[in-house]
Each structure stands twice: as C-alpha cells, then as structure tokens.
Amino acid sequence: MSYLVRLERQAERDLRRPPPPVLRAVDAELTAMANNPSPPGTLKLRGREGEGWRIRVGRYRILYRVDDGAKVVSV
C-alpha cells in the first residue's frame, strides 16, 4: 500500500532553509512515509491542529495529515 506524499507550498518554502544533512534526513523520512505514514516516533497533534501528526527529524519536526481513503500524506 503506497501513499502519495504531497508537499504544501509552505513546506516547500521551509525546506529551503535547513543545511544539506538535515535535508537528506527529511527526504529519507518523507520517502519512508510513502510506505508507512505512521512510523515509530509519530505523535498526534493536539489543539487546533488535532487532525494531524508530527515526527521529529533531528531538531526539526515534520507536520502532516494522512488521508487513508485517497492514500495521500499532506506535509
């Protein structure tokens, strides 16, 4: 079961800032999400963003939503 990982415009902008080693780690995590959108270490967001999830990559966090019906992960 493969998911489509879709980057929102803000996520694309945010990915211009980190150094190359962090970008490689984030890219590896996003690629892995295509096969498993809930890897170990994933936490459900609380509050206003309660429908989403987050996972840490070093000092950074990837915030995303999963649509199981459409098989899409929106970052």
PDB file of N, CA and C in Angstrom:
ATOM      1  N   MET A   1       0.837  -1.184   0.000  1.00  0.00           N
ATOM      2  CA  MET A   1       0.000   0.000   0.000  1.00  0.00           C
ATOM      3  C   MET A   1       0.879   1.243   0.000  1.00  0.00           C
ATOM      4  N   SER A   2       0.970   1.898  -1.098  1.00  0.00           N
ATOM      5  CA  SER A   2       1.808   3.076  -1.218  1.00  0.00           C
ATOM      6  C   SER A   2       0.955   4.343  -1.164  1.00  0.00           C
ATOM      7  N   TYR A   3       1.457   5.329  -0.431  1.00  0.00           N
ATOM      8  CA  TYR A   3       0.786   6.622  -0.314  1.00  0.00           C
ATOM      9  C   TYR A   3       1.514   7.644  -1.174  1.00  0.00           C
ATOM     10  N   LEU A   4       0.794   8.643  -1.627  1.00  0.00           N
ATOM     11  CA  LEU A   4       1.383   9.773  -2.330  1.00  0.00           C
ATOM     12  C   LEU A   4       1.735  10.817  -1.277  1.00  0.00           C
ATOM     13  N   VAL A   5       2.988  11.256  -1.228  1.00  0.00           N
ATOM     14  CA  VAL A   5       3.415  12.291  -0.289  1.00  0.00           C
ATOM     15  C   VAL A   5       3.400  13.614  -1.032  1.00  0.00           C
ATOM     16  N   ARG A   6       2.541  14.521  -0.581  1.00  0.00           N
ATOM     17  CA  ARG A   6       2.355  15.805  -1.245  1.00  0.00           C
ATOM     18  C   ARG A   6       2.833  16.937  -0.335  1.00  0.00           C
ATOM     19  N   LEU A   7       3.729  17.767  -0.834  1.00  0.00           N
ATOM     20  CA  LEU A   7       4.228  18.911  -0.069  1.00  0.00           C
ATOM     21  C   LEU A   7       3.367  20.132  -0.351  1.00  0.00           C
ATOM     22  N   GLU A   8       2.886  20.760   0.706  1.00  0.00           N
ATOM     23  CA  GLU A   8       2.163  22.017   0.568  1.00  0.00           C
ATOM     24  C   GLU A   8       3.178  23.119   0.251  1.00  0.00           C
ATOM     25  N   ARG A   9       2.706  24.251  -0.207  1.00  0.00           N
ATOM     26  CA  ARG A   9       3.583  25.359  -0.582  1.00  0.00           C
ATOM     27  C   ARG A   9       4.471  25.804   0.591  1.00  0.00           C
ATOM     28  N   GLN A  10       3.903  25.888   1.788  1.00  0.00           N
ATOM     29  CA  GLN A  10       4.678  26.324   2.951  1.00  0.00           C
ATOM     30  C   GLN A  10       5.784  25.321   3.275  1.00  0.00           C
ATOM     31  N   ALA A  11       5.505  24.044   3.138  1.00  0.00           N
ATOM     32  CA  ALA A  11       6.527  23.024   3.398  1.00  0.00           C
ATOM     33  C   ALA A  11       7.671  23.151   2.400  1.00  0.00           C
ATOM     34  N   GLU A  12       7.351  23.429   1.143  1.00  0.00           N
ATOM     35  CA  GLU A  12       8.399  23.619   0.140  1.00  0.00           C
ATOM     36  C   GLU A  12       9.286  24.804   0.498  1.00  0.00           C
ATOM     37  N   ARG A  13       8.678  25.891   0.957  1.00  0.00           N
ATOM     38  CA  ARG A  13       9.456  27.064   1.372  1.00  0.00           C
ATOM     39  C   ARG A  13      10.330  26.750   2.570  1.00  0.00           C
ATOM     40  N   ASP A  14       9.773  26.029   3.538  1.00  0.00           N
ATOM     41  CA  ASP A  14      10.528  25.699   4.750  1.00  0.00           C
ATOM     42  C   ASP A  14      11.717  24.792   4.452  1.00  0.00           C
ATOM     43  N   LEU A  15      11.618  23.988   3.410  1.00  0.00           N
ATOM     44  CA  LEU A  15      12.710  23.073   3.079  1.00  0.00           C
ATOM     45  C   LEU A  15      13.871  23.774   2.362  1.00  0.00           C
ATOM     46  N   ARG A  16      13.767  25.050   2.112  1.00  0.00           N
ATOM     47  CA  ARG A  16      14.883  25.801   1.514  1.00  0.00           C
ATOM     48  C   ARG A  16      15.906  26.208   2.562  1.00  0.00           C
ATOM     49  N   ARG A  17      15.544  26.196   3.829  1.00  0.00           N
ATOM     50  CA  ARG A  17      16.390  26.746   4.886  1.00  0.00           C
ATOM     51  C   ARG A  17      17.382  25.777   5.521  1.00  0.00           C
ATOM     52  N   PRO A  18      17.028  24.536   5.809  1.00  0.00           N
ATOM     53  CA  PRO A  18      17.940  23.671   6.571  1.00  0.00           C
ATOM     54  C   PRO A  18      19.205  23.321   5.795  1.00  0.00           C
ATOM     55  N   PRO A  19      20.263  22.964   6.534  1.00  0.00           N
ATOM     56  CA  PRO A  19      21.512  22.548   5.886  1.00  0.00           C
ATOM     57  C   PRO A  19      21.342  21.197   5.182  1.00  0.00           C
ATOM     58  N   PRO A  20      22.221  20.877   4.233  1.00  0.00           N
ATOM     59  CA  PRO A  20      22.101  19.643   3.441  1.00  0.00           C
ATOM     60  C   PRO A  20      21.951  18.350   4.246  1.00  0.00           C
ATOM     61  N   PRO A  21      22.686  18.146   5.361  1.00  0.00           N
ATOM     62  CA  PRO A  21      22.479  16.881   6.099  1.00  0.00           C
ATOM     63  C   PRO A  21      21.047  16.728   6.626  1.00  0.00           C
ATOM     64  N   VAL A  22      20.456  17.841   7.050  1.00  0.00           N
ATOM     65  CA  VAL A  22      19.081  17.804   7.547  1.00  0.00           C
ATOM     66  C   VAL A  22      18.125  17.534   6.387  1.00  0.00           C
ATOM     67  N   LEU A  23      18.373  18.148   5.243  1.00  0.00           N
ATOM     68  CA  LEU A  23      17.521  17.909   4.075  1.00  0.00           C
ATOM     69  C   LEU A  23      17.540  16.447   3.659  1.00  0.00           C
ATOM     70  N   ARG A  24      18.709  15.804   3.734  1.00  0.00           N
ATOM     71  CA  ARG A  24      18.790  14.383   3.393  1.00  0.00           C
ATOM     72  C   ARG A  24      17.977  13.541   4.376  1.00  0.00           C
ATOM     73  N   ALA A  25      18.042  13.882   5.665  1.00  0.00           N
ATOM     74  CA  ALA A  25      17.281  13.140   6.674  1.00  0.00           C
ATOM     75  C   ALA A  25      15.779  13.336   6.480  1.00  0.00           C
ATOM     76  N   VAL A  26      15.362  14.561   6.193  1.00  0.00           N
ATOM     77  CA  VAL A  26      13.938  14.842   5.955  1.00  0.00           C
ATOM     78  C   VAL A  26      13.470  14.115   4.698  1.00  0.00           C
ATOM     79  N   ASP A  27      14.285  14.140   3.651  1.00  0.00           N
ATOM     80  CA  ASP A  27      13.933  13.449   2.408  1.00  0.00           C
ATOM     81  C   ASP A  27      13.773  11.948   2.646  1.00  0.00           C
ATOM     82  N   ALA A  28      14.661  11.367   3.428  1.00  0.00           N
ATOM     83  CA  ALA A  28      14.559   9.932   3.734  1.00  0.00           C
ATOM     84  C   ALA A  28      13.274   9.640   4.507  1.00  0.00           C
ATOM     85  N   GLU A  29      12.915  10.507   5.434  1.00  0.00           N
ATOM     86  CA  GLU A  29      11.694  10.312   6.223  1.00  0.00           C
ATOM     87  C   GLU A  29      10.453  10.447   5.348  1.00  0.00           C
ATOM     88  N   LEU A  30      10.429  11.428   4.452  1.00  0.00           N
ATOM     89  CA  LEU A  30       9.286  11.604   3.560  1.00  0.00           C
ATOM     90  C   LEU A  30       9.141  10.420   2.608  1.00  0.00           C
ATOM     91  N   THR A  31      10.256   9.898   2.137  1.00  0.00           N
ATOM     92  CA  THR A  31      10.222   8.726   1.266  1.00  0.00           C
ATOM     93  C   THR A  31       9.677   7.515   2.018  1.00  0.00           C
ATOM     94  N   ALA A  32      10.080   7.358   3.272  1.00  0.00           N
ATOM     95  CA  ALA A  32       9.595   6.239   4.085  1.00  0.00           C
ATOM     96  C   ALA A  32       8.101   6.365   4.375  1.00  0.00           C
ATOM     97  N   MET A  33       7.604   7.602   4.474  1.00  0.00           N
ATOM     98  CA  MET A  33       6.174   7.815   4.739  1.00  0.00           C
ATOM     99  C   MET A  33       5.293   7.294   3.614  1.00  0.00           C
ATOM    100  N   ALA A  34       5.823   7.188   2.422  1.00  0.00           N
ATOM    101  CA  ALA A  34       5.040   6.668   1.304  1.00  0.00           C
ATOM    102  C   ALA A  34       4.620   5.226   1.562  1.00  0.00           C
ATOM    103  N   ASN A  35       5.430   4.481   2.296  1.00  0.00           N
ATOM    104  CA  ASN A  35       5.098   3.094   2.620  1.00  0.00           C
ATOM    105  C   ASN A  35       4.424   2.945   3.971  1.00  0.00           C
ATOM    106  N   ASN A  36       4.780   3.813   4.923  1.00  0.00           N
ATOM    107  CA  ASN A  36       4.224   3.724   6.270  1.00  0.00           C
ATOM    108  C   ASN A  36       4.045   5.136   6.813  1.00  0.00           C
ATOM    109  N   PRO A  37       2.844   5.724   6.718  1.00  0.00           N
ATOM    110  CA  PRO A  37       2.643   7.095   7.175  1.00  0.00           C
ATOM    111  C   PRO A  37       2.628   7.262   8.697  1.00  0.00           C
ATOM    112  N   SER A  38       2.709   6.164   9.431  1.00  0.00           N
ATOM    113  CA  SER A  38       2.749   6.242  10.897  1.00  0.00           C
ATOM    114  C   SER A  38       3.945   5.467  11.434  1.00  0.00           C
ATOM    115  N   PRO A  39       5.169   5.937  11.151  1.00  0.00           N
ATOM    116  CA  PRO A  39       6.347   5.221  11.638  1.00  0.00           C
ATOM    117  C   PRO A  39       6.509   5.392  13.150  1.00  0.00           C
ATOM    118  N   PRO A  40       7.361   4.597  13.785  1.00  0.00           N
ATOM    119  CA  PRO A  40       7.611   4.770  15.216  1.00  0.00           C
ATOM    120  C   PRO A  40       8.097   6.192  15.505  1.00  0.00           C
ATOM    121  N   GLY A  41       7.632   6.751  16.598  1.00  0.00           N
ATOM    122  CA  GLY A  41       8.005   8.110  16.970  1.00  0.00           C
ATOM    123  C   GLY A  41       7.010   9.158  16.531  1.00  0.00           C
ATOM    124  N   THR A  42       5.965   8.752  15.831  1.00  0.00           N
ATOM    125  CA  THR A  42       4.940   9.677  15.365  1.00  0.00           C
ATOM    126  C   THR A  42       4.001  10.025  16.519  1.00  0.00           C
ATOM    127  N   LEU A  43       3.679  11.301  16.649  1.00  0.00           N
ATOM    128  CA  LEU A  43       2.757  11.749  17.693  1.00  0.00           C
ATOM    129  C   LEU A  43       1.589  12.502  17.065  1.00  0.00           C
ATOM    130  N   LYS A  44       0.403  12.306  17.642  1.00  0.00           N
ATOM    131  CA  LYS A  44      -0.795  13.015  17.177  1.00  0.00           C
ATOM    132  C   LYS A  44      -0.750  14.437  17.714  1.00  0.00           C
ATOM    133  N   LEU A  45      -1.093  15.399  16.863  1.00  0.00           N
ATOM    134  CA  LEU A  45      -1.133  16.797  17.279  1.00  0.00           C
ATOM    135  C   LEU A  45      -2.348  17.054  18.150  1.00  0.00           C
ATOM    136  N   ARG A  46      -2.195  17.997  19.071  1.00  0.00           N
ATOM    137  CA  ARG A  46      -3.298  18.373  19.941  1.00  0.00           C
ATOM    138  C   ARG A  46      -3.718  19.804  19.640  1.00  0.00           C
ATOM    139  N   GLY A  47      -4.891  20.169  20.122  1.00  0.00           N
ATOM    140  CA  GLY A  47      -5.364  21.536  19.950  1.00  0.00           C
ATOM    141  C   GLY A  47      -5.975  21.774  18.590  1.00  0.00           C
ATOM    142  N   ARG A  48      -5.745  22.958  18.058  1.00  0.00           N
ATOM    143  CA  ARG A  48      -6.352  23.378  16.799  1.00  0.00           C
ATOM    144  C   ARG A  48      -5.933  22.490  15.637  1.00  0.00           C
ATOM    145  N   GLU A  49      -4.721  21.960  15.675  1.00  0.00           N
ATOM    146  CA  GLU A  49      -4.207  21.103  14.604  1.00  0.00           C
ATOM    147  C   GLU A  49      -4.436  19.633  14.936  1.00  0.00           C
ATOM    148  N   GLY A  50      -5.446  19.321  15.718  1.00  0.00           N
ATOM    149  CA  GLY A  50      -5.680  17.990  16.237  1.00  0.00           C
ATOM    150  C   GLY A  50      -5.871  16.878  15.223  1.00  0.00           C
ATOM    151  N   GLU A  51      -6.081  17.202  13.971  1.00  0.00           N
ATOM    152  CA  GLU A  51      -6.294  16.155  12.988  1.00  0.00           C
ATOM    153  C   GLU A  51      -4.992  15.694  12.345  1.00  0.00           C
ATOM    154  N   GLY A  52      -3.875  16.265  12.725  1.00  0.00           N
ATOM    155  CA  GLY A  52      -2.606  15.945  12.080  1.00  0.00           C
ATOM    156  C   GLY A  52      -1.664  15.147  12.956  1.00  0.00           C
ATOM    157  N   TRP A  53      -0.471  14.929  12.424  1.00  0.00           N
ATOM    158  CA  TRP A  53       0.571  14.156  13.087  1.00  0.00           C
ATOM    159  C   TRP A  53       1.886  14.904  12.974  1.00  0.00           C
ATOM    160  N   ARG A  54       2.856  14.506  13.794  1.00  0.00           N
ATOM    161  CA  ARG A  54       4.184  15.076  13.679  1.00  0.00           C
ATOM    162  C   ARG A  54       5.216  14.009  13.969  1.00  0.00           C
ATOM    163  N   ILE A  55       6.385  14.192  13.365  1.00  0.00           N
ATOM    164  CA  ILE A  55       7.508  13.309  13.629  1.00  0.00           C
ATOM    165  C   ILE A  55       8.760  14.174  13.653  1.00  0.00           C
ATOM    166  N   ARG A  56       9.679  13.840  14.543  1.00  0.00           N
ATOM    167  CA  ARG A  56      10.915  14.591  14.662  1.00  0.00           C
ATOM    168  C   ARG A  56      11.978  14.048  13.737  1.00  0.00           C
ATOM    169  N   VAL A  57      12.727  14.977  13.159  1.00  0.00           N
ATOM    170  CA  VAL A  57      13.910  14.641  12.371  1.00  0.00           C
ATOM    171  C   VAL A  57      14.997  15.571  12.888  1.00  0.00           C
ATOM    172  N   GLY A  58      15.806  15.074  13.810  1.00  0.00           N
ATOM    173  CA  GLY A  58      16.797  15.934  14.458  1.00  0.00           C
ATOM    174  C   GLY A  58      16.100  17.006  15.262  1.00  0.00           C
ATOM    175  N   ARG A  59      16.475  18.268  15.026  1.00  0.00           N
ATOM    176  CA  ARG A  59      15.840  19.384  15.726  1.00  0.00           C
ATOM    177  C   ARG A  59      14.564  19.846  15.032  1.00  0.00           C
ATOM    178  N   TYR A  60      14.244  19.281  13.898  1.00  0.00           N
ATOM    179  CA  TYR A  60      13.099  19.701  13.098  1.00  0.00           C
ATOM    180  C   TYR A  60      11.930  18.743  13.279  1.00  0.00           C
ATOM    181  N   ARG A  61      10.733  19.256  12.957  1.00  0.00           N
ATOM    182  CA  ARG A  61       9.529  18.430  13.004  1.00  0.00           C
ATOM    183  C   ARG A  61       8.834  18.485  11.651  1.00  0.00           C
ATOM    184  N   ILE A  62       8.325  17.337  11.258  1.00  0.00           N
ATOM    185  CA  ILE A  62       7.514  17.270  10.039  1.00  0.00           C
ATOM    186  C   ILE A  62       6.068  17.173  10.489  1.00  0.00           C
ATOM    187  N   LEU A  63       5.249  18.140  10.090  1.00  0.00           N
ATOM    188  CA  LEU A  63       3.823  18.141  10.411  1.00  0.00           C
ATOM    189  C   LEU A  63       3.076  17.673   9.176  1.00  0.00           C
ATOM    190  N   TYR A  64       2.148  16.732   9.367  1.00  0.00           N
ATOM    191  CA  TYR A  64       1.448  16.189   8.208  1.00  0.00           C
ATOM    192  C   TYR A  64       0.084  15.638   8.574  1.00  0.00           C
ATOM    193  N   ARG A  65      -0.743  15.458   7.536  1.00  0.00           N
ATOM    194  CA  ARG A  65      -2.069  14.837   7.654  1.00  0.00           C
ATOM    195  C   ARG A  65      -2.116  13.637   6.721  1.00  0.00           C
ATOM    196  N   VAL A  66      -2.871  12.618   7.129  1.00  0.00           N
ATOM    197  CA  VAL A  66      -2.999  11.407   6.329  1.00  0.00           C
ATOM    198  C   VAL A  66      -4.449  11.231   5.914  1.00  0.00           C
ATOM    199  N   ASP A  67      -4.679  11.032   4.628  1.00  0.00           N
ATOM    200  CA  ASP A  67      -5.996  10.704   4.098  1.00  0.00           C
ATOM    201  C   ASP A  67      -5.920   9.256   3.626  1.00  0.00           C
ATOM    202  N   ASP A  68      -6.383   8.336   4.479  1.00  0.00           N
ATOM    203  CA  ASP A  68      -6.293   6.908   4.155  1.00  0.00           C
ATOM    204  C   ASP A  68      -7.172   6.522   2.971  1.00  0.00           C
ATOM    205  N   GLY A  69      -8.284   7.206   2.800  1.00  0.00           N
ATOM    206  CA  GLY A  69      -9.174   6.905   1.683  1.00  0.00           C
ATOM    207  C   GLY A  69      -8.528   7.207   0.333  1.00  0.00           C
ATOM    208  N   ALA A  70      -7.880   8.349   0.240  1.00  0.00           N
ATOM    209  CA  ALA A  70      -7.239   8.757  -1.015  1.00  0.00           C
ATOM    210  C   ALA A  70      -5.777   8.328  -1.073  1.00  0.00           C
ATOM    211  N   LYS A  71      -5.261   7.765   0.025  1.00  0.00           N
ATOM    212  CA  LYS A  71      -3.854   7.336   0.095  1.00  0.00           C
ATOM    213  C   LYS A  71      -2.898   8.505  -0.152  1.00  0.00           C
ATOM    214  N   VAL A  72      -3.144   9.640   0.571  1.00  0.00           N
ATOM    215  CA  VAL A  72      -2.332  10.836   0.404  1.00  0.00           C
ATOM    216  C   VAL A  72      -1.826  11.292   1.772  1.00  0.00           C
ATOM    217  N   VAL A  73      -0.531  11.632   1.829  1.00  0.00           N
ATOM    218  CA  VAL A  73       0.078  12.242   3.009  1.00  0.00           C
ATOM    219  C   VAL A  73       0.385  13.691   2.639  1.00  0.00           C
ATOM    220  N   SER A  74      -0.255  14.647   3.307  1.00  0.00           N
ATOM    221  CA  SER A  74      -0.044  16.078   3.034  1.00  0.00           C
ATOM    222  C   SER A  74       0.878  16.655   4.081  1.00  0.00           C
ATOM    223  N   VAL A  75       2.025  17.159   3.657  1.00  0.00           N
ATOM    224  CA  VAL A  75       3.028  17.704   4.569  1.00  0.00           C
ATOM    225  C   VAL A  75       2.888  19.219   4.589  1.00  0.00           C
TER     226      VAL A  75
END
